[in-house]
């Protein structure tokens, strides 16, 4: 249960960081969104490798898949806008 709490806290933080209220420009928002996707993929990997239940591991896999796709799409947009994606 502690692992799930950490994952949910990470989700809340990455969502907060990608909030348009904190971005000064569209490019800043895009950079923040890419950072959020990076965090979600990392949290997903953690849930897959350390999750105590199948539900947590399945949720981690979903996080990894969904946010890897979102990151790929956002990185393509970043390239068109001349924004260097964070690693």
C-alpha atoms as a PDB file:
ATOM      1  CA  UNK A   1       0.000   0.000   0.000  1.00  0.00           C
ATOM      2  CA  UNK A   2       2.907   2.365   0.709  1.00  0.00           C
ATOM      3  CA  UNK A   3       4.107   1.926  -2.892  1.00  0.00           C
ATOM      4  CA  UNK A   4       0.709   2.871  -4.270  1.00  0.00           C
ATOM      5  CA  UNK A   5       0.677   5.952  -2.061  1.00  0.00           C
ATOM      6  CA  UNK A   6       4.069   6.993  -3.443  1.00  0.00           C
ATOM      7  CA  UNK A   7       2.875   6.470  -6.996  1.00  0.00           C
ATOM      8  CA  UNK A   8      -0.257   8.527  -6.414  1.00  0.00           C
ATOM      9  CA  UNK A   9       1.803  11.280  -4.791  1.00  0.00           C
ATOM     10  CA  UNK A  10       4.075  11.285  -7.832  1.00  0.00           C
ATOM     11  CA  UNK A  11       1.061  11.524 -10.127  1.00  0.00           C
ATOM     12  CA  UNK A  12      -0.280  14.485  -8.195  1.00  0.00           C
ATOM     13  CA  UNK A  13       3.080  16.245  -8.290  1.00  0.00           C
ATOM     14  CA  UNK A  14       3.636  15.716 -12.009  1.00  0.00           C
ATOM     15  CA  UNK A  15       0.115  16.920 -12.753  1.00  0.00           C
ATOM     16  CA  UNK A  16       0.718  20.014 -10.656  1.00  0.00           C
ATOM     17  CA  UNK A  17       4.033  20.733 -12.376  1.00  0.00           C
ATOM     18  CA  UNK A  18       2.455  20.448 -15.824  1.00  0.00           C
ATOM     19  CA  UNK A  19      -0.389  22.795 -14.870  1.00  0.00           C
ATOM     20  CA  UNK A  20      -0.752  25.752 -17.243  1.00  0.00           C
ATOM     21  CA  UNK A  21      -0.994  28.051 -14.215  1.00  0.00           C
ATOM     22  CA  UNK A  22       2.740  27.616 -13.596  1.00  0.00           C
ATOM     23  CA  UNK A  23       3.953  27.861 -17.190  1.00  0.00           C
ATOM     24  CA  UNK A  24       5.079  31.264 -18.426  1.00  0.00           C
ATOM     25  CA  UNK A  25       4.680  30.319 -22.080  1.00  0.00           C
ATOM     26  CA  UNK A  26       3.485  27.525 -24.344  1.00  0.00           C
ATOM     27  CA  UNK A  27       7.078  26.321 -24.629  1.00  0.00           C
ATOM     28  CA  UNK A  28       7.411  26.239 -20.846  1.00  0.00           C
ATOM     29  CA  UNK A  29       4.163  24.302 -20.571  1.00  0.00           C
ATOM     30  CA  UNK A  30       5.367  21.811 -23.176  1.00  0.00           C
ATOM     31  CA  UNK A  31       8.671  21.362 -21.341  1.00  0.00           C
ATOM     32  CA  UNK A  32       6.804  20.837 -18.063  1.00  0.00           C
ATOM     33  CA  UNK A  33       4.475  18.321 -19.714  1.00  0.00           C
ATOM     34  CA  UNK A  34       7.450  16.388 -21.077  1.00  0.00           C
ATOM     35  CA  UNK A  35       9.026  16.341 -17.617  1.00  0.00           C
ATOM     36  CA  UNK A  36       5.738  15.059 -16.236  1.00  0.00           C
ATOM     37  CA  UNK A  37       5.647  12.284 -18.841  1.00  0.00           C
ATOM     38  CA  UNK A  38       9.221  11.335 -17.947  1.00  0.00           C
ATOM     39  CA  UNK A  39       8.206  11.105 -14.289  1.00  0.00           C
ATOM     40  CA  UNK A  40       5.131   9.027 -15.070  1.00  0.00           C
ATOM     41  CA  UNK A  41       7.157   6.552 -17.130  1.00  0.00           C
ATOM     42  CA  UNK A  42       9.696   6.254 -14.295  1.00  0.00           C
ATOM     43  CA  UNK A  43       6.925   5.761 -11.726  1.00  0.00           C
ATOM     44  CA  UNK A  44       5.336   3.155 -13.970  1.00  0.00           C
ATOM     45  CA  UNK A  45       8.610   1.250 -14.171  1.00  0.00           C
ATOM     46  CA  UNK A  46       8.877   1.377 -10.400  1.00  0.00           C
ATOM     47  CA  UNK A  47       5.337   0.073  -9.983  1.00  0.00           C
ATOM     48  CA  UNK A  48       5.988  -2.779 -12.436  1.00  0.00           C
ATOM     49  CA  UNK A  49       9.205  -3.833 -10.736  1.00  0.00           C
ATOM     50  CA  UNK A  50       8.255  -3.260  -7.086  1.00  0.00           C
ATOM     51  CA  UNK A  51       4.451  -3.498  -7.015  1.00  0.00           C
ATOM     52  CA  UNK A  52       3.198  -5.899  -4.374  1.00  0.00           C
ATOM     53  CA  UNK A  53      -0.020  -6.732  -6.211  1.00  0.00           C
ATOM     54  CA  UNK A  54      -0.945  -7.480  -9.794  1.00  0.00           C
ATOM     55  CA  UNK A  55      -3.196  -4.407  -9.825  1.00  0.00           C
ATOM     56  CA  UNK A  56      -0.273  -2.112  -8.984  1.00  0.00           C
ATOM     57  CA  UNK A  57       1.949  -3.784 -11.581  1.00  0.00           C
ATOM     58  CA  UNK A  58      -0.805  -3.498 -14.223  1.00  0.00           C
ATOM     59  CA  UNK A  59      -1.312   0.161 -13.341  1.00  0.00           C
ATOM     60  CA  UNK A  60       2.434   0.710 -13.694  1.00  0.00           C
ATOM     61  CA  UNK A  61       2.389  -0.866 -17.144  1.00  0.00           C
ATOM     62  CA  UNK A  62      -0.488   1.410 -18.151  1.00  0.00           C
ATOM     63  CA  UNK A  63       1.418   4.463 -16.879  1.00  0.00           C
ATOM     64  CA  UNK A  64       4.488   3.462 -18.855  1.00  0.00           C
ATOM     65  CA  UNK A  65       2.558   2.804 -22.070  1.00  0.00           C
ATOM     66  CA  UNK A  66       0.304   5.858 -21.957  1.00  0.00           C
ATOM     67  CA  UNK A  67       2.965   8.352 -20.953  1.00  0.00           C
ATOM     68  CA  UNK A  68       5.586   6.982 -23.336  1.00  0.00           C
ATOM     69  CA  UNK A  69       3.094   7.583 -26.143  1.00  0.00           C
ATOM     70  CA  UNK A  70       2.214  11.047 -24.822  1.00  0.00           C
ATOM     71  CA  UNK A  71       5.906  11.887 -24.517  1.00  0.00           C
ATOM     72  CA  UNK A  72       6.556  10.774 -28.083  1.00  0.00           C
ATOM     73  CA  UNK A  73       3.754  13.007 -29.364  1.00  0.00           C
ATOM     74  CA  UNK A  74       4.857  15.948 -27.215  1.00  0.00           C
ATOM     75  CA  UNK A  75       8.478  15.512 -28.306  1.00  0.00           C
ATOM     76  CA  UNK A  76       7.388  15.707 -31.946  1.00  0.00           C
ATOM     77  CA  UNK A  77       5.542  18.943 -31.196  1.00  0.00           C
ATOM     78  CA  UNK A  78       8.568  20.254 -29.293  1.00  0.00           C
ATOM     79  CA  UNK A  79      10.758  19.601 -32.301  1.00  0.00           C
ATOM     80  CA  UNK A  80       8.372  21.567 -34.539  1.00  0.00           C
ATOM     81  CA  UNK A  81       8.413  24.458 -32.055  1.00  0.00           C
ATOM     82  CA  UNK A  82      12.173  24.398 -31.590  1.00  0.00           C
ATOM     83  CA  UNK A  83      11.968  23.257 -27.971  1.00  0.00           C
ATOM     84  CA  UNK A  84      14.631  20.868 -26.699  1.00  0.00           C
ATOM     85  CA  UNK A  85      12.836  18.054 -24.845  1.00  0.00           C
ATOM     86  CA  UNK A  86      14.138  17.362 -21.343  1.00  0.00           C
ATOM     87  CA  UNK A  87      15.789  13.992 -20.891  1.00  0.00           C
END
